[in-house]
Amino acid sequence: PPVEIEVRTGDEPIIIRTHDGAIRISLGVANDPDTTLTGEARPIMGLLLGLLELDAAQAAGVRLDGDPTALDRVRGGSPAAA
């Protein structure tokens, strides 16, 4: 199923959407995101790229609101590197 993640870092939110095996990114605010990530860009990118585990990203100041399993769709469902 499609997933929508809103990323709040910097001046304008970013929406990451998955649908039919594709990932699309656009600027703006999501109407009803599955997950919202808020914080500094570096740990959020580490989390989205699978370089950081969720607990490490949260320790670095990232706040996640919503369903954490939505991240698996963007990260390909694979666990993050240690």
N, C-alpha and C. Protein backbone atom coordinates (compact mmCIF):
# COMPACT_ATOMS: atom_id res chain seq x y z
N PRO A 1 0.82 -1.21 0.00
CA PRO A 1 0.00 0.00 0.00
C PRO A 1 0.86 1.26 0.00
N PRO A 2 0.34 2.34 -0.50
CA PRO A 2 1.08 3.61 -0.51
C PRO A 2 1.40 4.07 0.91
N VAL A 3 2.49 4.79 1.04
CA VAL A 3 2.91 5.37 2.32
C VAL A 3 3.28 6.82 2.07
N GLU A 4 2.97 7.67 3.04
CA GLU A 4 3.30 9.08 2.95
C GLU A 4 4.01 9.52 4.22
N ILE A 5 5.21 10.09 4.06
CA ILE A 5 6.02 10.55 5.17
C ILE A 5 6.29 12.04 4.98
N GLU A 6 6.00 12.82 6.00
CA GLU A 6 6.32 14.24 5.95
C GLU A 6 7.61 14.46 6.74
N VAL A 7 8.56 15.16 6.13
CA VAL A 7 9.84 15.45 6.77
C VAL A 7 9.90 16.95 7.03
N ARG A 8 10.07 17.29 8.30
CA ARG A 8 10.13 18.70 8.70
C ARG A 8 11.55 19.02 9.16
N THR A 9 12.32 19.57 8.27
CA THR A 9 13.67 20.04 8.57
C THR A 9 13.93 21.19 7.61
N GLY A 10 14.47 22.25 8.09
CA GLY A 10 14.68 23.40 7.22
C GLY A 10 13.44 24.27 7.15
N ASP A 11 13.33 25.02 6.06
CA ASP A 11 12.27 26.01 5.93
C ASP A 11 10.94 25.46 5.45
N GLU A 12 10.98 24.44 4.60
CA GLU A 12 9.74 23.94 4.01
C GLU A 12 9.68 22.42 4.14
N PRO A 13 8.53 21.89 4.58
CA PRO A 13 8.38 20.44 4.71
C PRO A 13 8.52 19.73 3.35
N ILE A 14 8.92 18.48 3.43
CA ILE A 14 9.06 17.61 2.25
C ILE A 14 8.14 16.43 2.45
N ILE A 15 7.49 16.01 1.38
CA ILE A 15 6.62 14.83 1.43
C ILE A 15 7.29 13.72 0.62
N ILE A 16 7.44 12.56 1.23
CA ILE A 16 7.96 11.38 0.55
C ILE A 16 6.79 10.41 0.41
N ARG A 17 6.48 10.04 -0.82
CA ARG A 17 5.36 9.13 -1.09
C ARG A 17 5.86 7.89 -1.82
N THR A 18 5.35 6.74 -1.41
CA THR A 18 5.62 5.52 -2.16
C THR A 18 4.30 5.07 -2.78
N HIS A 19 4.38 4.61 -4.02
CA HIS A 19 3.18 4.12 -4.71
C HIS A 19 3.63 3.29 -5.91
N ASP A 20 3.11 2.10 -6.03
CA ASP A 20 3.43 1.20 -7.16
C ASP A 20 4.93 0.99 -7.31
N GLY A 21 5.63 0.84 -6.21
CA GLY A 21 7.06 0.55 -6.26
C GLY A 21 7.95 1.75 -6.51
N ALA A 22 7.37 2.94 -6.62
CA ALA A 22 8.16 4.15 -6.88
C ALA A 22 8.13 5.06 -5.64
N ILE A 23 9.18 5.84 -5.49
CA ILE A 23 9.25 6.85 -4.44
C ILE A 23 9.24 8.22 -5.09
N ARG A 24 8.33 9.06 -4.64
CA ARG A 24 8.24 10.43 -5.17
C ARG A 24 8.41 11.41 -4.02
N ILE A 25 9.10 12.50 -4.31
CA ILE A 25 9.36 13.52 -3.30
C ILE A 25 8.85 14.85 -3.81
N SER A 26 8.17 15.59 -2.94
CA SER A 26 7.68 16.92 -3.31
C SER A 26 7.75 17.83 -2.09
N LEU A 27 7.70 19.12 -2.34
CA LEU A 27 7.66 20.10 -1.26
C LEU A 27 6.22 20.29 -0.82
N GLY A 28 6.03 20.56 0.46
CA GLY A 28 4.69 20.86 0.95
C GLY A 28 4.35 20.08 2.20
N VAL A 29 3.11 20.28 2.64
CA VAL A 29 2.59 19.65 3.84
C VAL A 29 1.66 18.52 3.43
N ALA A 30 1.82 17.35 4.04
CA ALA A 30 0.96 16.21 3.75
C ALA A 30 -0.39 16.38 4.46
N ASN A 31 -1.45 15.93 3.82
CA ASN A 31 -2.78 16.03 4.43
C ASN A 31 -2.94 15.09 5.61
N ASP A 32 -2.53 13.85 5.45
CA ASP A 32 -2.69 12.84 6.50
C ASP A 32 -1.53 11.85 6.41
N PRO A 33 -0.32 12.29 6.79
CA PRO A 33 0.85 11.41 6.63
C PRO A 33 0.80 10.20 7.57
N ASP A 34 1.39 9.10 7.11
CA ASP A 34 1.51 7.92 7.95
C ASP A 34 2.51 8.19 9.08
N THR A 35 3.55 8.97 8.76
CA THR A 35 4.60 9.30 9.71
C THR A 35 5.10 10.71 9.44
N THR A 36 5.47 11.41 10.50
CA THR A 36 6.11 12.72 10.38
C THR A 36 7.44 12.66 11.12
N LEU A 37 8.50 13.10 10.43
CA LEU A 37 9.83 13.18 11.03
C LEU A 37 10.19 14.65 11.19
N THR A 38 10.64 15.03 12.37
CA THR A 38 11.02 16.41 12.65
C THR A 38 12.40 16.42 13.29
N GLY A 39 13.27 17.31 12.80
CA GLY A 39 14.59 17.42 13.40
C GLY A 39 15.63 17.92 12.42
N GLU A 40 16.89 17.72 12.77
CA GLU A 40 18.00 18.14 11.93
C GLU A 40 18.11 17.22 10.70
N ALA A 41 18.58 17.79 9.61
CA ALA A 41 18.63 17.07 8.34
C ALA A 41 19.55 15.84 8.39
N ARG A 42 20.71 15.97 8.98
CA ARG A 42 21.69 14.87 8.95
C ARG A 42 21.15 13.58 9.58
N PRO A 43 20.62 13.60 10.82
CA PRO A 43 20.12 12.34 11.37
C PRO A 43 18.86 11.83 10.66
N ILE A 44 18.04 12.73 10.14
CA ILE A 44 16.87 12.28 9.38
C ILE A 44 17.31 11.57 8.11
N MET A 45 18.27 12.13 7.41
CA MET A 45 18.77 11.47 6.20
C MET A 45 19.43 10.13 6.54
N GLY A 46 20.17 10.08 7.64
CA GLY A 46 20.77 8.83 8.08
C GLY A 46 19.71 7.77 8.33
N LEU A 47 18.62 8.18 8.94
CA LEU A 47 17.51 7.26 9.22
C LEU A 47 16.87 6.78 7.92
N LEU A 48 16.57 7.71 7.01
CA LEU A 48 15.91 7.36 5.76
C LEU A 48 16.79 6.50 4.85
N LEU A 49 18.10 6.71 4.92
CA LEU A 49 19.02 5.94 4.09
C LEU A 49 19.41 4.60 4.72
N GLY A 50 18.96 4.36 5.94
CA GLY A 50 19.29 3.11 6.60
C GLY A 50 20.65 3.11 7.26
N LEU A 51 21.24 4.29 7.44
CA LEU A 51 22.55 4.39 8.10
C LEU A 51 22.42 4.52 9.61
N LEU A 52 21.23 4.91 10.08
CA LEU A 52 20.96 5.03 11.51
C LEU A 52 19.72 4.22 11.86
N GLU A 53 19.75 3.59 13.01
CA GLU A 53 18.55 2.95 13.56
C GLU A 53 17.66 4.06 14.12
N LEU A 54 16.38 3.77 14.30
CA LEU A 54 15.44 4.76 14.81
C LEU A 54 15.86 5.28 16.18
N ASP A 55 16.30 4.40 17.06
CA ASP A 55 16.67 4.87 18.40
C ASP A 55 17.88 5.80 18.36
N ALA A 56 18.83 5.56 17.46
CA ALA A 56 19.99 6.44 17.31
C ALA A 56 19.57 7.80 16.74
N ALA A 57 18.64 7.78 15.78
CA ALA A 57 18.15 9.04 15.21
C ALA A 57 17.40 9.84 16.27
N GLN A 58 16.60 9.15 17.08
CA GLN A 58 15.88 9.83 18.15
C GLN A 58 16.84 10.40 19.19
N ALA A 59 17.90 9.67 19.49
CA ALA A 59 18.91 10.18 20.42
C ALA A 59 19.60 11.42 19.85
N ALA A 60 19.61 11.54 18.51
CA ALA A 60 20.21 12.71 17.86
C ALA A 60 19.19 13.84 17.68
N GLY A 61 18.00 13.67 18.26
CA GLY A 61 17.01 14.75 18.25
C GLY A 61 15.87 14.61 17.27
N VAL A 62 15.80 13.51 16.53
CA VAL A 62 14.70 13.31 15.57
C VAL A 62 13.45 12.90 16.33
N ARG A 63 12.34 13.54 16.00
CA ARG A 63 11.05 13.16 16.58
C ARG A 63 10.22 12.49 15.52
N LEU A 64 9.67 11.32 15.84
CA LEU A 64 8.81 10.58 14.92
C LEU A 64 7.41 10.57 15.49
N ASP A 65 6.45 11.02 14.70
CA ASP A 65 5.04 10.96 15.06
C ASP A 65 4.35 10.10 14.03
N GLY A 66 3.69 9.05 14.47
CA GLY A 66 2.98 8.18 13.55
C GLY A 66 3.53 6.77 13.57
N ASP A 67 3.37 6.09 12.45
CA ASP A 67 3.72 4.68 12.32
C ASP A 67 5.18 4.50 11.92
N PRO A 68 6.03 4.00 12.81
CA PRO A 68 7.45 3.83 12.46
C PRO A 68 7.68 2.81 11.36
N THR A 69 6.74 1.88 11.15
CA THR A 69 6.94 0.88 10.09
C THR A 69 6.82 1.50 8.70
N ALA A 70 6.27 2.71 8.59
CA ALA A 70 6.21 3.39 7.29
C ALA A 70 7.61 3.65 6.76
N LEU A 71 8.58 3.80 7.65
CA LEU A 71 9.96 4.02 7.22
C LEU A 71 10.51 2.83 6.43
N ASP A 72 10.04 1.63 6.76
CA ASP A 72 10.52 0.42 6.07
C ASP A 72 10.24 0.48 4.57
N ARG A 73 9.16 1.14 4.17
CA ARG A 73 8.82 1.23 2.75
C ARG A 73 9.81 2.10 2.00
N VAL A 74 10.31 3.14 2.65
CA VAL A 74 11.29 4.03 2.03
C VAL A 74 12.67 3.40 2.07
N ARG A 75 12.95 2.71 3.16
CA ARG A 75 14.25 2.08 3.35
C ARG A 75 14.30 0.70 2.71
N GLY A 76 13.28 0.30 1.99
CA GLY A 76 13.26 -1.00 1.34
C GLY A 76 12.97 -2.14 2.28
N GLY A 77 12.54 -1.83 3.51
CA GLY A 77 12.20 -2.87 4.46
C GLY A 77 13.41 -3.56 5.06
N SER A 78 14.60 -3.11 4.71
CA SER A 78 15.80 -3.76 5.25
C SER A 78 16.22 -3.05 6.54
N PRO A 79 16.80 -3.80 7.47
CA PRO A 79 17.24 -3.17 8.70
C PRO A 79 18.41 -2.24 8.46
N ALA A 80 18.52 -1.25 9.31
CA ALA A 80 19.62 -0.27 9.18
C ALA A 80 20.95 -0.92 9.54
N ALA A 81 22.00 -0.39 8.96
CA ALA A 81 23.34 -0.85 9.29
C ALA A 81 23.67 -0.44 10.71
N ALA A 82 24.44 -1.27 11.38
CA ALA A 82 24.79 -0.98 12.77
C ALA A 82 25.88 0.07 12.83
